[in-house]
Structures are given as structure tokens and as C-alpha cells.
Amino acid sequence: MDQAIIIRPAREADAAGVAAVYAPYVRDTAVSFEAEPPSATVMAERIAGTLATHPWLVADRSGEIVGYAYAGKHSQRAAYRWTADVTVYVGAQVRREGIGRSLYGVLLAALREQGFRSAFAEIVLPNPGSSRLHEAMGFKHIGTHMDIGFKLGRWHDIAYWRLGLSHGDAAPQEPIPFATFQCSPAFDTVLARIAEASETFGR
């Protein structure tokens, strides 16, 4: 790959690029159960609504968004606040270049530093590429819901995956909001560590 890719927090101005990455997944596949690709305006609202508490990251190649990953609340109920749902999408033109792994590397490291306990991912089946990625990142398959969604003329199952981010029985500290964490030296350390591990995409 000729151009360097930078992993960084998303901005509302990235919404059109994020929407462009996501649209084919919605329009052409069952990877997402949304029926219509969201507009840039809707995506900007989602980004803004996430960043206060959870990471939303983009893979930026010379100003072009080629992938993104984000975390969000598993549930609105208070006792779930140490649990996050995570998602990653990569543009078709850069698949198999390690970008999804790098996005997840930063995302999961940030969640650990923020004080989250568990990360959960949902994978619409069949999706062997996503299953391999989650296995590589340490997720464990914990179950499957059968016939949970109907799209593109057929029923689909969803597999559920979990990654433990912390351990122990002690009462946890409150998770650090991402708006606070991204301004800290700890987040700079996470970015530097992942950049060093992924110095060249596609190797």
C-alpha cells in the first residue's frame, strides 16, 4: 500500500466517508440488518452521540475514510455500563490489509483503559472473515440466535462473541468517558503502541 493509514477518533466531518464505507454492507449484504443506508447527516448524529462515552475510530488514508470501528452501550440499564458492544467495517478496496485488526486493536485497548469489563460482538452468519477476525482478537463464541433476522430473501442467524477486558471480583470504578480519555496521555500511548505493531498495512 502506497499511502499511510492513520487510526484516529472520528469527527462529525467524517460522516460522509463513514456512510460511504457502510452503505454497501446495508444495501448488498445481510452483515447489517438495517434496510436503508443511513445518510451522512444520520451518521454524524451517531458519531456525536457515541463519542461522549465510547470510542468511534476511523482509518484515514490521506483524508479518505477507508474503515471505522466503534463501541456503544450494551443496554441502557445502569448495571450494564461496564459492558460495550463493538463493531468494525472496512471498505472493499482495502480488505485483507490488516485495517480491521488495527482498528480493533486501538478500540479494545481504549475500552480496557477506560475501565470496561466486557466487549460483545454480533456476527450475522455466514461471515467467516469476521469470525476469524474476532477469534484473532481474542473473542470467544458464546452462542447463536437462530433465524433472528430476515433480509435479502432469507432468514439469518446471529453469532455472539465476548472478549473479557478485565477480571476480578472487586467493585469497579466508573468507566472513564471517551471524551475525557481521548485527551489523556494514556490514549496517546494506545495509538503509538498500535501504530508500532501495524507499521505497514498489508504485510
N, C-alpha and C. Protein backbone atom coordinates (compact mmCIF):
# COMPACT_ATOMS: atom_id res chain seq x y z
N MET A 1 0.85 -1.18 0.00
CA MET A 1 0.00 0.00 0.00
C MET A 1 0.88 1.23 0.00
N ASP A 2 0.57 2.22 -0.83
CA ASP A 2 1.45 3.37 -1.00
C ASP A 2 1.22 4.45 0.05
N GLN A 3 0.01 4.61 0.52
CA GLN A 3 -0.30 5.72 1.41
C GLN A 3 -0.51 5.22 2.83
N ALA A 4 0.06 5.97 3.77
CA ALA A 4 -0.07 5.61 5.17
C ALA A 4 -1.50 5.77 5.62
N ILE A 5 -1.90 4.91 6.54
CA ILE A 5 -3.22 4.98 7.13
C ILE A 5 -3.08 5.32 8.60
N ILE A 6 -3.86 6.28 9.04
CA ILE A 6 -3.83 6.74 10.42
C ILE A 6 -5.13 6.32 11.10
N ILE A 7 -5.01 5.73 12.28
CA ILE A 7 -6.17 5.44 13.11
C ILE A 7 -6.35 6.60 14.07
N ARG A 8 -7.54 7.19 14.08
CA ARG A 8 -7.79 8.36 14.94
C ARG A 8 -9.26 8.41 15.33
N PRO A 9 -9.60 9.20 16.36
CA PRO A 9 -11.02 9.36 16.70
C PRO A 9 -11.78 10.02 15.56
N ALA A 10 -13.01 9.58 15.38
CA ALA A 10 -13.86 10.15 14.34
C ALA A 10 -14.27 11.57 14.70
N ARG A 11 -14.60 12.33 13.66
CA ARG A 11 -15.19 13.66 13.80
C ARG A 11 -16.50 13.66 13.02
N GLU A 12 -17.37 14.57 13.37
CA GLU A 12 -18.63 14.65 12.63
C GLU A 12 -18.39 14.90 11.15
N ALA A 13 -17.29 15.58 10.83
CA ALA A 13 -16.96 15.83 9.43
C ALA A 13 -16.61 14.56 8.65
N ASP A 14 -16.36 13.47 9.36
CA ASP A 14 -16.06 12.19 8.71
C ASP A 14 -17.32 11.44 8.31
N ALA A 15 -18.49 11.99 8.62
CA ALA A 15 -19.73 11.23 8.49
C ALA A 15 -19.98 10.74 7.06
N ALA A 16 -19.71 11.57 6.07
CA ALA A 16 -19.95 11.14 4.69
C ALA A 16 -19.06 9.97 4.31
N GLY A 17 -17.80 10.03 4.72
CA GLY A 17 -16.88 8.92 4.43
C GLY A 17 -17.27 7.65 5.15
N VAL A 18 -17.69 7.78 6.41
CA VAL A 18 -18.16 6.62 7.17
C VAL A 18 -19.40 6.02 6.51
N ALA A 19 -20.33 6.89 6.12
CA ALA A 19 -21.56 6.41 5.46
C ALA A 19 -21.24 5.68 4.17
N ALA A 20 -20.24 6.15 3.43
CA ALA A 20 -19.87 5.51 2.17
C ALA A 20 -19.29 4.11 2.39
N VAL A 21 -18.50 3.94 3.46
CA VAL A 21 -17.98 2.61 3.79
C VAL A 21 -19.11 1.66 4.16
N TYR A 22 -20.07 2.17 4.92
CA TYR A 22 -21.14 1.34 5.47
C TYR A 22 -22.21 0.97 4.45
N ALA A 23 -22.49 1.86 3.51
CA ALA A 23 -23.63 1.69 2.60
C ALA A 23 -23.65 0.34 1.88
N PRO A 24 -22.54 -0.16 1.31
CA PRO A 24 -22.63 -1.45 0.61
C PRO A 24 -23.00 -2.61 1.53
N TYR A 25 -22.59 -2.53 2.81
CA TYR A 25 -22.95 -3.59 3.76
C TYR A 25 -24.47 -3.62 3.97
N VAL A 26 -25.07 -2.44 4.01
CA VAL A 26 -26.52 -2.37 4.20
C VAL A 26 -27.26 -2.75 2.92
N ARG A 27 -26.81 -2.21 1.80
CA ARG A 27 -27.53 -2.35 0.54
C ARG A 27 -27.39 -3.75 -0.07
N ASP A 28 -26.19 -4.34 0.06
CA ASP A 28 -25.89 -5.54 -0.72
C ASP A 28 -25.71 -6.80 0.10
N THR A 29 -25.68 -6.71 1.43
CA THR A 29 -25.41 -7.88 2.26
C THR A 29 -26.36 -7.91 3.46
N ALA A 30 -26.31 -9.02 4.19
CA ALA A 30 -27.04 -9.14 5.44
C ALA A 30 -26.12 -8.91 6.64
N VAL A 31 -24.89 -8.45 6.40
CA VAL A 31 -23.97 -8.16 7.50
C VAL A 31 -24.60 -7.17 8.47
N SER A 32 -25.30 -6.18 7.94
CA SER A 32 -26.10 -5.26 8.75
C SER A 32 -27.57 -5.56 8.50
N PHE A 33 -28.36 -5.49 9.56
CA PHE A 33 -29.80 -5.70 9.42
C PHE A 33 -30.55 -4.40 9.13
N GLU A 34 -29.86 -3.28 8.97
CA GLU A 34 -30.55 -2.08 8.52
C GLU A 34 -31.06 -2.30 7.10
N ALA A 35 -32.18 -1.63 6.78
CA ALA A 35 -32.79 -1.81 5.47
C ALA A 35 -32.32 -0.78 4.45
N GLU A 36 -32.01 0.44 4.91
CA GLU A 36 -31.58 1.52 4.03
C GLU A 36 -30.29 2.13 4.56
N PRO A 37 -29.32 2.41 3.69
CA PRO A 37 -28.09 3.05 4.16
C PRO A 37 -28.38 4.40 4.79
N PRO A 38 -27.85 4.66 5.99
CA PRO A 38 -28.09 5.96 6.62
C PRO A 38 -27.37 7.08 5.88
N SER A 39 -27.95 8.26 5.92
CA SER A 39 -27.34 9.44 5.29
C SER A 39 -26.15 9.92 6.10
N ALA A 40 -25.38 10.82 5.52
CA ALA A 40 -24.27 11.44 6.25
C ALA A 40 -24.78 12.19 7.47
N THR A 41 -25.93 12.80 7.36
CA THR A 41 -26.50 13.54 8.50
C THR A 41 -26.80 12.59 9.65
N VAL A 42 -27.41 11.47 9.34
CA VAL A 42 -27.71 10.48 10.38
C VAL A 42 -26.43 9.92 10.97
N MET A 43 -25.43 9.66 10.13
CA MET A 43 -24.18 9.11 10.63
C MET A 43 -23.46 10.12 11.51
N ALA A 44 -23.54 11.40 11.17
CA ALA A 44 -22.94 12.43 12.01
C ALA A 44 -23.58 12.44 13.40
N GLU A 45 -24.88 12.26 13.45
CA GLU A 45 -25.58 12.21 14.73
C GLU A 45 -25.14 10.99 15.53
N ARG A 46 -24.93 9.86 14.86
CA ARG A 46 -24.48 8.66 15.56
C ARG A 46 -23.07 8.85 16.12
N ILE A 47 -22.20 9.44 15.33
CA ILE A 47 -20.83 9.67 15.79
C ILE A 47 -20.84 10.59 17.01
N ALA A 48 -21.55 11.71 16.90
CA ALA A 48 -21.60 12.67 18.00
C ALA A 48 -22.20 12.04 19.25
N GLY A 49 -23.22 11.20 19.08
CA GLY A 49 -23.86 10.58 20.22
C GLY A 49 -23.02 9.52 20.89
N THR A 50 -22.03 9.00 20.18
CA THR A 50 -21.17 7.94 20.73
C THR A 50 -19.97 8.50 21.46
N LEU A 51 -19.33 9.52 20.90
CA LEU A 51 -18.01 9.95 21.35
C LEU A 51 -17.94 10.46 22.78
N ALA A 52 -19.06 10.88 23.33
CA ALA A 52 -19.01 11.35 24.72
C ALA A 52 -18.60 10.22 25.66
N THR A 53 -19.04 9.01 25.39
CA THR A 53 -18.81 7.91 26.32
C THR A 53 -17.95 6.79 25.77
N HIS A 54 -18.01 6.53 24.46
CA HIS A 54 -17.34 5.36 23.87
C HIS A 54 -16.50 5.78 22.66
N PRO A 55 -15.51 4.96 22.32
CA PRO A 55 -14.68 5.28 21.15
C PRO A 55 -15.42 5.08 19.84
N TRP A 56 -15.20 5.99 18.92
CA TRP A 56 -15.54 5.79 17.50
C TRP A 56 -14.29 6.20 16.73
N LEU A 57 -13.69 5.25 16.04
CA LEU A 57 -12.41 5.45 15.38
C LEU A 57 -12.56 5.29 13.88
N VAL A 58 -11.73 6.00 13.13
CA VAL A 58 -11.69 5.85 11.69
C VAL A 58 -10.28 5.52 11.23
N ALA A 59 -10.20 4.82 10.11
CA ALA A 59 -8.93 4.60 9.40
C ALA A 59 -8.89 5.62 8.26
N ASP A 60 -7.96 6.55 8.36
CA ASP A 60 -7.87 7.70 7.46
C ASP A 60 -6.67 7.53 6.55
N ARG A 61 -6.93 7.47 5.23
CA ARG A 61 -5.85 7.39 4.25
C ARG A 61 -5.86 8.67 3.44
N SER A 62 -4.98 9.58 3.80
CA SER A 62 -4.86 10.86 3.10
C SER A 62 -6.20 11.58 2.96
N GLY A 63 -6.98 11.57 4.04
CA GLY A 63 -8.26 12.25 4.04
C GLY A 63 -9.44 11.41 3.61
N GLU A 64 -9.19 10.19 3.13
CA GLU A 64 -10.27 9.27 2.75
C GLU A 64 -10.52 8.28 3.88
N ILE A 65 -11.78 8.14 4.30
CA ILE A 65 -12.12 7.17 5.32
C ILE A 65 -12.27 5.79 4.66
N VAL A 66 -11.42 4.84 5.07
CA VAL A 66 -11.44 3.52 4.45
C VAL A 66 -11.91 2.43 5.42
N GLY A 67 -12.21 2.81 6.65
CA GLY A 67 -12.73 1.86 7.62
C GLY A 67 -13.04 2.58 8.91
N TYR A 68 -13.81 1.92 9.76
CA TYR A 68 -14.12 2.51 11.06
C TYR A 68 -14.53 1.42 12.04
N ALA A 69 -14.43 1.75 13.31
CA ALA A 69 -14.85 0.85 14.38
C ALA A 69 -15.37 1.70 15.53
N TYR A 70 -16.34 1.16 16.23
CA TYR A 70 -16.87 1.92 17.36
C TYR A 70 -17.41 0.99 18.42
N ALA A 71 -17.61 1.53 19.61
CA ALA A 71 -18.24 0.81 20.71
C ALA A 71 -19.47 1.59 21.15
N GLY A 72 -20.35 0.91 21.84
CA GLY A 72 -21.56 1.56 22.33
C GLY A 72 -22.12 0.81 23.51
N LYS A 73 -23.15 1.36 24.09
CA LYS A 73 -23.79 0.74 25.25
C LYS A 73 -24.42 -0.60 24.86
N HIS A 74 -24.23 -1.57 25.74
CA HIS A 74 -24.88 -2.86 25.55
C HIS A 74 -26.36 -2.77 25.92
N SER A 75 -26.66 -1.93 26.87
CA SER A 75 -28.03 -1.71 27.31
C SER A 75 -28.09 -0.37 28.03
N GLN A 76 -29.26 0.23 28.08
CA GLN A 76 -29.43 1.49 28.78
C GLN A 76 -29.48 1.30 30.30
N ARG A 77 -29.72 0.11 30.79
CA ARG A 77 -29.85 -0.10 32.22
C ARG A 77 -28.49 0.04 32.91
N ALA A 78 -28.51 0.62 34.11
CA ALA A 78 -27.30 1.10 34.77
C ALA A 78 -26.25 0.01 35.01
N ALA A 79 -26.69 -1.18 35.39
CA ALA A 79 -25.72 -2.22 35.75
C ALA A 79 -24.92 -2.73 34.55
N TYR A 80 -25.38 -2.40 33.33
CA TYR A 80 -24.66 -2.81 32.12
C TYR A 80 -23.55 -1.84 31.71
N ARG A 81 -23.32 -0.78 32.47
CA ARG A 81 -22.48 0.30 31.95
C ARG A 81 -21.00 -0.06 31.82
N TRP A 82 -20.58 -1.21 32.33
CA TRP A 82 -19.20 -1.66 32.13
C TRP A 82 -19.08 -2.62 30.93
N THR A 83 -20.17 -2.79 30.20
CA THR A 83 -20.19 -3.68 29.05
C THR A 83 -20.41 -2.87 27.77
N ALA A 84 -19.64 -3.17 26.74
CA ALA A 84 -19.76 -2.43 25.47
C ALA A 84 -20.00 -3.40 24.32
N ASP A 85 -20.81 -2.98 23.37
CA ASP A 85 -20.93 -3.67 22.09
C ASP A 85 -19.95 -3.03 21.10
N VAL A 86 -19.30 -3.84 20.27
CA VAL A 86 -18.29 -3.33 19.35
C VAL A 86 -18.58 -3.76 17.93
N THR A 87 -18.15 -2.93 16.98
CA THR A 87 -18.41 -3.16 15.56
C THR A 87 -17.24 -2.60 14.75
N VAL A 88 -16.92 -3.26 13.64
CA VAL A 88 -15.89 -2.75 12.74
C VAL A 88 -16.34 -2.98 11.30
N TYR A 89 -16.07 -1.99 10.43
CA TYR A 89 -16.35 -2.08 9.00
C TYR A 89 -15.14 -1.56 8.22
N VAL A 90 -14.83 -2.23 7.14
CA VAL A 90 -13.69 -1.84 6.30
C VAL A 90 -14.15 -1.77 4.85
N GLY A 91 -13.70 -0.76 4.13
CA GLY A 91 -14.05 -0.61 2.73
C GLY A 91 -13.54 -1.76 1.88
N ALA A 92 -14.30 -2.09 0.83
CA ALA A 92 -13.95 -3.23 -0.01
C ALA A 92 -12.56 -3.09 -0.63
N GLN A 93 -12.14 -1.85 -0.89
CA GLN A 93 -10.86 -1.64 -1.58
C GLN A 93 -9.65 -1.91 -0.70
N VAL A 94 -9.84 -2.06 0.60
CA VAL A 94 -8.69 -2.26 1.49
C VAL A 94 -8.85 -3.50 2.38
N ARG A 95 -9.74 -4.39 2.02
CA ARG A 95 -9.88 -5.60 2.82
C ARG A 95 -8.62 -6.45 2.73
N ARG A 96 -8.40 -7.22 3.77
CA ARG A 96 -7.25 -8.13 3.88
C ARG A 96 -5.92 -7.37 3.96
N GLU A 97 -5.97 -6.14 4.42
CA GLU A 97 -4.74 -5.37 4.60
C GLU A 97 -4.45 -5.10 6.07
N GLY A 98 -5.17 -5.71 6.98
CA GLY A 98 -4.91 -5.56 8.40
C GLY A 98 -5.57 -4.36 9.05
N ILE A 99 -6.42 -3.66 8.30
CA ILE A 99 -7.00 -2.43 8.83
C ILE A 99 -8.04 -2.74 9.91
N GLY A 100 -8.87 -3.76 9.70
CA GLY A 100 -9.84 -4.13 10.72
C GLY A 100 -9.17 -4.52 12.02
N ARG A 101 -8.09 -5.28 11.94
CA ARG A 101 -7.35 -5.68 13.13
C ARG A 101 -6.76 -4.46 13.84
N SER A 102 -6.23 -3.51 13.08
CA SER A 102 -5.65 -2.32 13.69
C SER A 102 -6.71 -1.45 14.35
N LEU A 103 -7.85 -1.28 13.68
CA LEU A 103 -8.94 -0.52 14.28
C LEU A 103 -9.39 -1.16 15.58
N TYR A 104 -9.58 -2.47 15.55
CA TYR A 104 -10.00 -3.17 16.77
C TYR A 104 -8.92 -3.10 17.84
N GLY A 105 -7.66 -3.16 17.43
CA GLY A 105 -6.57 -3.08 18.41
C GLY A 105 -6.66 -1.81 19.23
N VAL A 106 -6.87 -0.68 18.56
CA VAL A 106 -6.99 0.60 19.27
C VAL A 106 -8.29 0.63 20.07
N LEU A 107 -9.38 0.21 19.46
CA LEU A 107 -10.69 0.27 20.12
C LEU A 107 -10.69 -0.53 21.42
N LEU A 108 -10.22 -1.77 21.36
CA LEU A 108 -10.26 -2.64 22.53
C LEU A 108 -9.29 -2.18 23.60
N ALA A 109 -8.12 -1.68 23.19
CA ALA A 109 -7.18 -1.16 24.17
C ALA A 109 -7.75 0.07 24.87
N ALA A 110 -8.44 0.91 24.12
CA ALA A 110 -9.07 2.09 24.73
C ALA A 110 -10.13 1.67 25.74
N LEU A 111 -10.97 0.70 25.37
CA LEU A 111 -12.01 0.23 26.29
C LEU A 111 -11.41 -0.33 27.57
N ARG A 112 -10.31 -1.06 27.45
CA ARG A 112 -9.65 -1.56 28.66
C ARG A 112 -9.20 -0.42 29.56
N GLU A 113 -8.55 0.56 28.96
CA GLU A 113 -8.04 1.69 29.74
C GLU A 113 -9.17 2.51 30.34
N GLN A 114 -10.30 2.55 29.67
CA GLN A 114 -11.45 3.29 30.20
C GLN A 114 -12.11 2.59 31.38
N GLY A 115 -11.84 1.29 31.53
CA GLY A 115 -12.39 0.57 32.65
C GLY A 115 -13.57 -0.33 32.34
N PHE A 116 -13.75 -0.69 31.07
CA PHE A 116 -14.85 -1.60 30.71
C PHE A 116 -14.47 -3.05 31.03
N ARG A 117 -15.49 -3.83 31.28
CA ARG A 117 -15.31 -5.22 31.71
C ARG A 117 -15.37 -6.21 30.56
N SER A 118 -16.32 -6.02 29.64
CA SER A 118 -16.55 -6.97 28.56
C SER A 118 -16.87 -6.24 27.27
N ALA A 119 -16.46 -6.83 26.16
CA ALA A 119 -16.85 -6.36 24.83
C ALA A 119 -17.61 -7.49 24.14
N PHE A 120 -18.75 -7.16 23.55
CA PHE A 120 -19.57 -8.13 22.84
C PHE A 120 -19.69 -7.74 21.37
N ALA A 121 -19.68 -8.74 20.51
CA ALA A 121 -19.87 -8.52 19.07
C ALA A 121 -20.93 -9.47 18.56
N GLU A 122 -21.71 -9.00 17.59
CA GLU A 122 -22.71 -9.81 16.91
C GLU A 122 -22.28 -10.00 15.46
N ILE A 123 -22.32 -11.23 14.98
CA ILE A 123 -21.92 -11.52 13.61
C ILE A 123 -23.06 -12.24 12.91
N VAL A 124 -23.61 -11.61 11.86
CA VAL A 124 -24.64 -12.26 11.06
C VAL A 124 -23.98 -13.37 10.24
N LEU A 125 -24.53 -14.55 10.32
CA LEU A 125 -23.95 -15.72 9.66
C LEU A 125 -24.57 -15.95 8.28
N PRO A 126 -23.76 -16.47 7.34
CA PRO A 126 -22.34 -16.82 7.48
C PRO A 126 -21.44 -15.61 7.22
N ASN A 127 -20.35 -15.51 7.97
CA ASN A 127 -19.37 -14.44 7.78
C ASN A 127 -18.03 -14.93 8.31
N PRO A 128 -17.38 -15.85 7.59
CA PRO A 128 -16.14 -16.45 8.10
C PRO A 128 -15.02 -15.45 8.31
N GLY A 129 -14.96 -14.40 7.48
CA GLY A 129 -13.92 -13.39 7.66
C GLY A 129 -14.04 -12.68 8.99
N SER A 130 -15.27 -12.28 9.35
CA SER A 130 -15.49 -11.61 10.62
C SER A 130 -15.24 -12.55 11.78
N SER A 131 -15.66 -13.80 11.65
CA SER A 131 -15.41 -14.78 12.72
C SER A 131 -13.92 -14.94 12.96
N ARG A 132 -13.13 -15.02 11.88
CA ARG A 132 -11.67 -15.17 12.03
C ARG A 132 -11.07 -13.93 12.70
N LEU A 133 -11.55 -12.76 12.32
CA LEU A 133 -11.03 -11.54 12.92
C LEU A 133 -11.29 -11.53 14.43
N HIS A 134 -12.51 -11.85 14.82
CA HIS A 134 -12.83 -11.82 16.25
C HIS A 134 -12.05 -12.89 17.02
N GLU A 135 -11.89 -14.05 16.43
CA GLU A 135 -11.06 -15.07 17.07
C GLU A 135 -9.63 -14.58 17.24
N ALA A 136 -9.10 -13.93 16.21
CA ALA A 136 -7.73 -13.42 16.28
C ALA A 136 -7.56 -12.36 17.36
N MET A 137 -8.63 -11.60 17.63
CA MET A 137 -8.56 -10.56 18.64
C MET A 137 -8.86 -11.09 20.04
N GLY A 138 -9.14 -12.39 20.16
CA GLY A 138 -9.33 -12.99 21.47
C GLY A 138 -10.77 -13.21 21.89
N PHE A 139 -11.73 -12.89 21.02
CA PHE A 139 -13.13 -13.11 21.34
C PHE A 139 -13.45 -14.62 21.37
N LYS A 140 -14.43 -14.98 22.20
CA LYS A 140 -14.89 -16.36 22.29
C LYS A 140 -16.37 -16.41 21.89
N HIS A 141 -16.70 -17.40 21.07
CA HIS A 141 -18.09 -17.58 20.66
C HIS A 141 -18.90 -18.08 21.85
N ILE A 142 -20.00 -17.41 22.16
CA ILE A 142 -20.77 -17.76 23.34
C ILE A 142 -22.19 -18.22 23.01
N GLY A 143 -22.56 -18.20 21.74
CA GLY A 143 -23.89 -18.68 21.39
C GLY A 143 -24.38 -18.13 20.08
N THR A 144 -25.49 -18.69 19.60
CA THR A 144 -26.06 -18.28 18.33
C THR A 144 -27.58 -18.20 18.46
N HIS A 145 -28.15 -17.11 17.95
CA HIS A 145 -29.61 -16.99 17.82
C HIS A 145 -30.00 -17.41 16.41
N MET A 146 -30.89 -18.35 16.33
CA MET A 146 -31.28 -18.90 15.04
C MET A 146 -32.43 -18.09 14.44
N ASP A 147 -32.39 -17.92 13.12
CA ASP A 147 -33.50 -17.29 12.37
C ASP A 147 -33.94 -15.96 13.01
N ILE A 148 -32.98 -15.12 13.33
CA ILE A 148 -33.31 -13.90 14.08
C ILE A 148 -33.60 -12.71 13.17
N GLY A 149 -33.18 -12.77 11.91
CA GLY A 149 -33.44 -11.66 11.01
C GLY A 149 -33.71 -12.15 9.59
N PHE A 150 -34.62 -11.47 8.89
CA PHE A 150 -34.94 -11.82 7.50
C PHE A 150 -34.50 -10.68 6.61
N LYS A 151 -33.59 -10.97 5.68
CA LYS A 151 -33.10 -9.95 4.74
C LYS A 151 -32.62 -10.63 3.48
N LEU A 152 -32.78 -9.94 2.35
CA LEU A 152 -32.34 -10.44 1.05
C LEU A 152 -32.92 -11.83 0.75
N GLY A 153 -34.18 -12.00 1.15
CA GLY A 153 -34.91 -13.20 0.77
C GLY A 153 -34.68 -14.42 1.61
N ARG A 154 -34.01 -14.29 2.76
CA ARG A 154 -33.78 -15.49 3.57
C ARG A 154 -33.62 -15.11 5.03
N TRP A 155 -33.75 -16.13 5.91
CA TRP A 155 -33.51 -15.97 7.33
C TRP A 155 -32.03 -16.09 7.63
N HIS A 156 -31.60 -15.33 8.64
CA HIS A 156 -30.19 -15.36 9.04
C HIS A 156 -30.08 -15.57 10.54
N ASP A 157 -28.99 -16.26 10.92
CA ASP A 157 -28.64 -16.43 12.32
C ASP A 157 -27.63 -15.36 12.73
N ILE A 158 -27.55 -15.09 14.02
CA ILE A 158 -26.53 -14.19 14.56
C ILE A 158 -25.73 -14.94 15.61
N ALA A 159 -24.40 -14.92 15.46
CA ALA A 159 -23.50 -15.48 16.46
C ALA A 159 -23.04 -14.37 17.40
N TYR A 160 -22.90 -14.71 18.67
CA TYR A 160 -22.50 -13.74 19.69
C TYR A 160 -21.11 -14.11 20.21
N TRP A 161 -20.27 -13.08 20.33
CA TRP A 161 -18.88 -13.27 20.73
C TRP A 161 -18.57 -12.32 21.89
N ARG A 162 -17.75 -12.80 22.84
CA ARG A 162 -17.37 -11.99 24.00
C ARG A 162 -15.86 -11.97 24.17
N LEU A 163 -15.35 -10.80 24.56
CA LEU A 163 -13.96 -10.63 24.96
C LEU A 163 -13.93 -10.03 26.35
N GLY A 164 -13.26 -10.70 27.29
CA GLY A 164 -13.07 -10.15 28.62
C GLY A 164 -12.00 -9.06 28.60
N LEU A 165 -12.32 -7.91 29.14
CA LEU A 165 -11.39 -6.78 29.14
C LEU A 165 -10.73 -6.58 30.50
N SER A 166 -11.36 -7.08 31.55
CA SER A 166 -10.78 -7.01 32.89
C SER A 166 -11.33 -8.18 33.70
N HIS A 167 -10.74 -8.41 34.87
CA HIS A 167 -11.09 -9.57 35.67
C HIS A 167 -11.11 -9.18 37.14
N GLY A 168 -11.57 -10.13 37.98
CA GLY A 168 -11.60 -9.90 39.42
C GLY A 168 -13.00 -9.61 39.91
N ASP A 169 -13.18 -9.73 41.23
CA ASP A 169 -14.50 -9.60 41.85
C ASP A 169 -14.73 -8.26 42.53
N ALA A 170 -13.72 -7.42 42.59
CA ALA A 170 -13.87 -6.15 43.29
C ALA A 170 -14.84 -5.23 42.56
N ALA A 171 -15.50 -4.36 43.31
CA ALA A 171 -16.40 -3.38 42.69
C ALA A 171 -15.60 -2.49 41.75
N PRO A 172 -16.09 -2.26 40.53
CA PRO A 172 -15.32 -1.49 39.56
C PRO A 172 -15.44 0.01 39.77
N GLN A 173 -14.45 0.75 39.27
CA GLN A 173 -14.55 2.19 39.16
C GLN A 173 -15.47 2.52 37.99
N GLU A 174 -16.03 3.70 37.98
CA GLU A 174 -16.85 4.12 36.85
C GLU A 174 -16.00 4.18 35.57
N PRO A 175 -16.54 3.74 34.45
CA PRO A 175 -15.79 3.87 33.18
C PRO A 175 -15.46 5.34 32.90
N ILE A 176 -14.27 5.57 32.39
CA ILE A 176 -13.85 6.93 32.03
C ILE A 176 -14.54 7.29 30.71
N PRO A 177 -15.25 8.39 30.63
CA PRO A 177 -15.87 8.78 29.36
C PRO A 177 -14.81 8.95 28.27
N PHE A 178 -15.13 8.54 27.05
CA PHE A 178 -14.14 8.64 25.98
C PHE A 178 -13.77 10.09 25.70
N ALA A 179 -14.70 11.01 25.86
CA ALA A 179 -14.38 12.42 25.63
C ALA A 179 -13.25 12.88 26.53
N THR A 180 -13.17 12.31 27.72
CA THR A 180 -12.07 12.61 28.65
C THR A 180 -10.84 11.80 28.29
N PHE A 181 -11.04 10.51 28.05
CA PHE A 181 -9.91 9.60 27.83
C PHE A 181 -9.10 9.98 26.59
N GLN A 182 -9.75 10.41 25.51
CA GLN A 182 -9.02 10.68 24.27
C GLN A 182 -8.08 11.87 24.39
N CYS A 183 -8.24 12.67 25.42
CA CYS A 183 -7.36 13.83 25.65
C CYS A 183 -6.21 13.49 26.60
N SER A 184 -6.13 12.23 27.03
CA SER A 184 -5.14 11.85 28.04
C SER A 184 -3.90 11.24 27.42
N PRO A 185 -2.77 11.26 28.13
CA PRO A 185 -1.56 10.58 27.63
C PRO A 185 -1.78 9.08 27.43
N ALA A 186 -2.70 8.48 28.19
CA ALA A 186 -2.95 7.04 28.04
C ALA A 186 -3.45 6.71 26.64
N PHE A 187 -4.29 7.57 26.07
CA PHE A 187 -4.78 7.30 24.72
C PHE A 187 -3.66 7.48 23.70
N ASP A 188 -2.80 8.47 23.89
CA ASP A 188 -1.64 8.63 23.00
C ASP A 188 -0.77 7.38 23.03
N THR A 189 -0.63 6.78 24.20
CA THR A 189 0.16 5.56 24.34
C THR A 189 -0.48 4.41 23.57
N VAL A 190 -1.81 4.29 23.66
CA VAL A 190 -2.52 3.25 22.92
C VAL A 190 -2.29 3.42 21.42
N LEU A 191 -2.45 4.63 20.92
CA LEU A 191 -2.27 4.88 19.48
C LEU A 191 -0.84 4.56 19.04
N ALA A 192 0.14 4.95 19.85
CA ALA A 192 1.53 4.72 19.49
C ALA A 192 1.84 3.22 19.47
N ARG A 193 1.30 2.49 20.43
CA ARG A 193 1.56 1.06 20.50
C ARG A 193 0.98 0.33 19.31
N ILE A 194 -0.25 0.68 18.93
CA ILE A 194 -0.87 0.02 17.78
C ILE A 194 -0.17 0.42 16.49
N ALA A 195 0.22 1.68 16.37
CA ALA A 195 0.92 2.14 15.17
C ALA A 195 2.24 1.38 15.00
N GLU A 196 2.92 1.15 16.10
CA GLU A 196 4.19 0.42 16.03
C GLU A 196 3.95 -1.03 15.62
N ALA A 197 2.89 -1.65 16.16
CA ALA A 197 2.59 -3.03 15.82
C ALA A 197 2.11 -3.20 14.40
N SER A 198 1.54 -2.13 13.83
CA SER A 198 0.96 -2.19 12.48
C SER A 198 1.65 -1.17 11.57
N GLU A 199 2.96 -1.15 11.61
CA GLU A 199 3.71 -0.10 10.92
C GLU A 199 3.41 -0.07 9.44
N THR A 200 3.20 -1.23 8.85
CA THR A 200 2.88 -1.31 7.43
C THR A 200 1.65 -2.18 7.25
N PHE A 201 0.56 -1.61 6.73
CA PHE A 201 -0.64 -2.38 6.46
C PHE A 201 -0.40 -3.29 5.26
N GLY A 202 -1.02 -4.47 5.35
CA GLY A 202 -0.99 -5.36 4.21
C GLY A 202 0.13 -6.35 4.22
N ARG A 203 1.03 -6.30 5.21
CA ARG A 203 2.09 -7.30 5.23
C ARG A 203 1.57 -8.63 5.74
